[in-house]
Amino acid sequence: MAGWRRHFKEDFLIVVAGEDHPVTKTGDDIICIPSERVPEKEGQYRQHLDYVSCFKKVREAFPRSKGFVFVADDCYPVNDFDLTDVKFLKQEGSDITYEITSTNAWRRDAAKTKALLVKEGYPTRNFTTHVPQWYEWDKLEALWKKYKMDEESYVMEDLYFNIYYPTRVPLQLNIDFENLKCGVYRSNPRVEYIERAFREKLWITNSPDGWVPVLDRMLNDYYFGAGAQV
């Protein structure tokens, strides 16, 4: 939240969908829309079904909005950006490479999503970047309806951007060659990459393995330490 408040150079409202948290009481720029987690469903990835449930409640609360920025809780803005930076397409890779037999439920969903895209004749690029993404409500709702996404779990971003922008050439994210994202995915991260990201990139992200004490400390010092920007 501190990163968005400091670095997102647009008028905005932060909407937290799901469980409430004390941070949602810290200003007029943030609200919570309560949403209980959906029940487990055999053969489906619960989190993807829950996304649809949460988003539908947000849509009901803002029926006149045309679109929204979606971002996960593991993405931290560290330099100034605006909607232009959010809206242009970025891909994690040119293909979804996971297997339907994976022991990881998210990876199985990714493989299932790829199979659907192949069946429908669309590209299979990997848009799971964990950086902020812009969605238009009408397009997203059409996907929910067509593919029954409140019952059948898919990777939302891979369906959305491959189906609606099949001929566009996204920017390929690469930690060494672009100035957008520093992903921390290992328990022993290269600290010099994180240090450089505070100077040269827009967002730092992490995986569960990458949420380590050194990253926690560096982010805390950046946002709230004695030398933090106001």
Protein backbone atom coordinates (compact mmCIF):
# COMPACT_ATOMS: atom_id res chain seq x y z
CA MET A 1 0.00 0.00 0.00
CA ALA A 2 2.85 2.38 0.81
CA GLY A 3 4.32 1.78 -2.62
CA TRP A 4 1.09 2.54 -4.48
CA ARG A 5 0.47 5.65 -2.46
CA ARG A 6 3.94 6.94 -3.13
CA HIS A 7 4.56 5.91 -6.72
CA PHE A 8 1.28 5.52 -8.67
CA LYS A 9 0.84 8.87 -10.40
CA GLU A 10 -2.90 8.64 -11.06
CA ASP A 11 -6.09 9.29 -9.14
CA PHE A 12 -7.00 5.93 -7.65
CA LEU A 13 -8.88 3.95 -5.05
CA ILE A 14 -7.30 0.83 -3.56
CA VAL A 15 -9.86 -1.97 -3.28
CA VAL A 16 -9.03 -4.99 -1.14
CA ALA A 17 -11.37 -7.89 -1.95
CA GLY A 18 -11.47 -10.67 0.59
CA GLU A 19 -10.65 -10.60 4.28
CA ASP A 20 -10.48 -7.19 5.91
CA HIS A 21 -7.26 -5.83 7.38
CA PRO A 22 -6.40 -2.82 9.57
CA VAL A 23 -4.64 -1.17 6.62
CA THR A 24 -8.03 -0.59 4.97
CA LYS A 25 -8.82 1.88 7.78
CA THR A 26 -5.79 4.08 7.07
CA GLY A 27 -7.29 6.59 4.64
CA ASP A 28 -10.00 7.60 2.20
CA ASP A 29 -8.02 6.07 -0.67
CA ILE A 30 -8.63 2.45 0.39
CA ILE A 31 -11.64 0.24 1.08
CA CYS A 32 -12.37 -3.44 1.68
CA ILE A 33 -15.10 -5.41 -0.06
CA PRO A 34 -15.65 -8.50 2.12
CA SER A 35 -15.63 -11.81 0.29
CA GLU A 36 -15.53 -15.22 1.91
CA ARG A 37 -13.39 -17.81 0.18
CA VAL A 38 -15.28 -20.16 -2.11
CA PRO A 39 -15.54 -23.81 -1.05
CA GLU A 40 -13.01 -26.33 -2.29
CA LYS A 41 -14.09 -28.05 -5.50
CA GLU A 42 -12.55 -31.32 -6.56
CA GLY A 43 -10.37 -31.01 -9.64
CA GLN A 44 -10.31 -27.20 -9.53
CA TYR A 45 -7.78 -24.70 -8.20
CA ARG A 46 -9.61 -22.89 -5.42
CA GLN A 47 -7.73 -19.61 -5.72
CA HIS A 48 -8.72 -19.09 -9.34
CA LEU A 49 -12.37 -19.73 -8.54
CA ASP A 50 -12.03 -17.31 -5.63
CA TYR A 51 -10.65 -14.61 -7.93
CA VAL A 52 -13.86 -14.69 -9.94
CA SER A 53 -15.97 -14.56 -6.78
CA CYS A 54 -14.03 -11.54 -5.49
CA PHE A 55 -14.05 -9.69 -8.80
CA LYS A 56 -17.79 -10.13 -9.20
CA LYS A 57 -18.34 -8.42 -5.84
CA VAL A 58 -16.06 -5.56 -6.89
CA ARG A 59 -17.98 -5.23 -10.15
CA GLU A 60 -21.26 -5.02 -8.25
CA ALA A 61 -19.80 -2.24 -6.10
CA PHE A 62 -18.57 -0.22 -9.11
CA PRO A 63 -21.06 -0.84 -11.91
CA ARG A 64 -20.07 2.28 -13.86
CA SER A 65 -16.35 1.60 -14.03
CA LYS A 66 -14.91 0.54 -17.38
CA GLY A 67 -11.92 -1.33 -16.03
CA PHE A 68 -9.47 -1.79 -13.19
CA VAL A 69 -5.87 -2.52 -12.32
CA PHE A 70 -5.34 -5.95 -10.80
CA VAL A 71 -2.26 -6.61 -8.71
CA ALA A 72 -1.35 -9.36 -6.29
CA ASP A 73 -0.06 -8.75 -2.77
CA ASP A 74 3.49 -9.71 -3.71
CA CYS A 75 4.19 -6.71 -5.94
CA TYR A 76 5.85 -3.61 -4.47
CA PRO A 77 6.13 -0.34 -6.42
CA VAL A 78 9.55 1.26 -5.91
CA ASN A 79 9.61 3.99 -8.58
CA ASP A 80 7.03 6.28 -10.16
CA PHE A 81 4.64 4.90 -12.82
CA ASP A 82 1.21 5.54 -14.30
CA LEU A 83 -1.47 3.75 -16.32
CA THR A 84 0.62 3.83 -19.46
CA ASP A 85 3.21 1.64 -17.75
CA VAL A 86 0.49 -0.74 -16.53
CA LYS A 87 -1.46 -1.09 -19.77
CA PHE A 88 1.16 -2.11 -22.29
CA LEU A 89 1.47 -5.88 -22.63
CA LYS A 90 4.21 -7.80 -20.86
CA GLN A 91 4.84 -11.53 -20.93
CA GLU A 92 6.77 -13.84 -18.66
CA GLY A 93 7.51 -16.18 -21.54
CA SER A 94 6.52 -17.00 -25.10
CA ASP A 95 4.80 -20.25 -24.08
CA ILE A 96 3.04 -21.83 -21.11
CA THR A 97 5.28 -24.77 -20.26
CA TYR A 98 3.63 -26.51 -17.30
CA GLU A 99 2.31 -30.09 -17.30
CA ILE A 100 -1.19 -31.31 -16.44
CA THR A 101 0.42 -34.04 -14.31
CA SER A 102 2.24 -31.56 -12.05
CA THR A 103 1.84 -31.98 -8.29
CA ASN A 104 1.39 -28.19 -8.09
CA ALA A 105 -2.28 -27.19 -8.49
CA TRP A 106 -1.47 -23.81 -10.03
CA ARG A 107 0.73 -25.43 -12.66
CA ARG A 108 -2.00 -27.92 -13.50
CA ASP A 109 -4.37 -25.02 -14.04
CA ALA A 110 -1.81 -23.33 -16.28
CA ALA A 111 -1.54 -26.51 -18.37
CA LYS A 112 -5.34 -26.77 -18.54
CA THR A 113 -5.51 -23.13 -19.64
CA LYS A 114 -2.95 -23.79 -22.37
CA ALA A 115 -4.95 -26.76 -23.63
CA LEU A 116 -8.06 -24.59 -23.89
CA LEU A 117 -6.16 -21.88 -25.77
CA VAL A 118 -4.78 -24.46 -28.22
CA LYS A 119 -8.25 -25.90 -28.74
CA GLU A 120 -9.67 -22.42 -29.42
CA GLY A 121 -6.82 -21.49 -31.78
CA TYR A 122 -5.17 -18.78 -29.68
CA PRO A 123 -1.53 -18.15 -28.75
CA THR A 124 -0.25 -19.72 -25.52
CA ARG A 125 2.00 -16.98 -24.15
CA ASN A 126 2.64 -16.81 -20.41
CA PHE A 127 1.14 -13.59 -19.03
CA THR A 128 1.50 -14.51 -15.35
CA THR A 129 3.94 -11.69 -14.65
CA HIS A 130 2.83 -10.63 -11.14
CA VAL A 131 3.12 -7.01 -12.21
CA PRO A 132 0.01 -4.78 -12.36
CA GLN A 133 -2.37 -5.54 -15.24
CA TRP A 134 -5.29 -3.59 -16.71
CA TYR A 135 -8.60 -5.38 -17.37
CA GLU A 136 -11.76 -4.15 -19.05
CA TRP A 137 -14.85 -5.35 -17.24
CA ASP A 138 -16.87 -6.21 -20.35
CA LYS A 139 -14.13 -8.40 -21.76
CA LEU A 140 -13.50 -10.14 -18.46
CA GLU A 141 -17.18 -10.80 -17.81
CA ALA A 142 -17.51 -12.32 -21.28
CA LEU A 143 -14.74 -14.79 -20.45
CA TRP A 144 -16.36 -15.72 -17.15
CA LYS A 145 -19.60 -16.47 -18.93
CA LYS A 146 -18.18 -18.31 -21.94
CA TYR A 147 -15.86 -20.57 -19.97
CA LYS A 148 -17.95 -20.83 -16.77
CA MET A 149 -14.99 -19.60 -14.75
CA ASP A 150 -16.83 -19.55 -11.44
CA GLU A 151 -17.06 -23.34 -11.74
CA GLU A 152 -14.08 -24.24 -13.93
CA SER A 153 -10.71 -22.82 -12.88
CA TYR A 154 -8.32 -21.27 -15.39
CA VAL A 155 -5.42 -18.81 -15.28
CA MET A 156 -7.33 -15.60 -15.87
CA GLU A 157 -4.51 -13.51 -17.29
CA ASP A 158 -3.43 -16.16 -19.78
CA LEU A 159 -6.94 -16.47 -21.16
CA TYR A 160 -7.61 -12.74 -21.22
CA PHE A 161 -4.49 -11.46 -22.94
CA ASN A 162 -4.04 -14.35 -25.38
CA ILE A 163 -7.69 -14.22 -26.47
CA TYR A 164 -8.15 -10.47 -26.71
CA TYR A 165 -4.69 -9.50 -27.98
CA PRO A 166 -3.59 -12.50 -30.09
CA THR A 167 -1.59 -10.48 -32.64
CA ARG A 168 0.11 -8.07 -30.24
CA VAL A 169 3.82 -8.47 -29.45
CA PRO A 170 4.29 -8.16 -25.67
CA LEU A 171 7.46 -6.98 -24.01
CA GLN A 172 9.46 -9.97 -22.79
CA LEU A 173 10.33 -9.52 -19.12
CA ASN A 174 13.96 -10.26 -18.28
CA ILE A 175 15.60 -9.18 -15.05
CA ASP A 176 18.87 -8.36 -16.81
CA PHE A 177 17.51 -6.43 -19.78
CA GLU A 178 14.40 -4.45 -18.79
CA ASN A 179 13.68 -1.83 -16.16
CA LEU A 180 10.23 -2.96 -15.02
CA LYS A 181 10.42 -5.91 -12.64
CA CYS A 182 12.81 -7.56 -10.23
CA GLY A 183 11.44 -10.99 -9.31
CA VAL A 184 12.76 -12.56 -6.11
CA TYR A 185 12.06 -16.27 -6.41
CA ARG A 186 14.85 -17.97 -4.44
CA SER A 187 15.55 -18.34 -0.74
CA ASN A 188 19.09 -17.09 -1.46
CA PRO A 189 18.41 -14.09 -3.72
CA ARG A 190 21.10 -11.99 -5.36
CA VAL A 191 20.91 -8.98 -3.05
CA GLU A 192 22.69 -6.74 -5.56
CA TYR A 193 19.77 -7.24 -7.97
CA ILE A 194 17.29 -6.10 -5.31
CA GLU A 195 19.43 -3.10 -4.43
CA ARG A 196 19.60 -2.11 -8.09
CA ALA A 197 15.83 -2.52 -8.45
CA PHE A 198 15.17 0.26 -5.95
CA ARG A 199 17.07 2.58 -8.30
CA GLU A 200 16.19 1.24 -11.73
CA LYS A 201 12.92 -0.74 -11.79
CA LEU A 202 9.25 -0.03 -11.22
CA TRP A 203 8.25 -3.12 -9.25
CA ILE A 204 9.78 -5.77 -7.04
CA THR A 205 7.87 -9.06 -6.77
CA ASN A 206 8.43 -12.31 -4.95
CA SER A 207 7.32 -15.93 -4.80
CA PRO A 208 6.69 -17.72 -1.48
CA ASP A 209 10.29 -19.00 -1.59
CA GLY A 210 11.52 -15.47 -2.27
CA TRP A 211 9.87 -13.90 0.78
CA VAL A 212 13.01 -13.97 2.92
CA PRO A 213 14.22 -11.76 5.79
CA VAL A 214 16.61 -9.74 3.65
CA LEU A 215 13.79 -8.71 1.26
CA ASP A 216 11.48 -7.93 4.17
CA ARG A 217 14.14 -5.73 5.74
CA MET A 218 15.02 -3.91 2.52
CA LEU A 219 11.37 -3.12 1.74
CA ASN A 220 10.69 -2.03 5.30
CA ASP A 221 13.71 0.27 5.28
CA TYR A 222 12.70 1.71 1.92
CA TYR A 223 9.09 2.46 2.86
CA PHE A 224 9.32 3.17 6.57
CA GLY A 225 12.97 3.59 7.58
CA ALA A 226 14.68 6.78 8.66
CA GLY A 227 15.64 7.63 5.07
CA ALA A 228 12.24 6.82 3.60
CA GLN A 229 10.72 9.27 1.14
CA VAL A 230 7.62 11.18 2.20
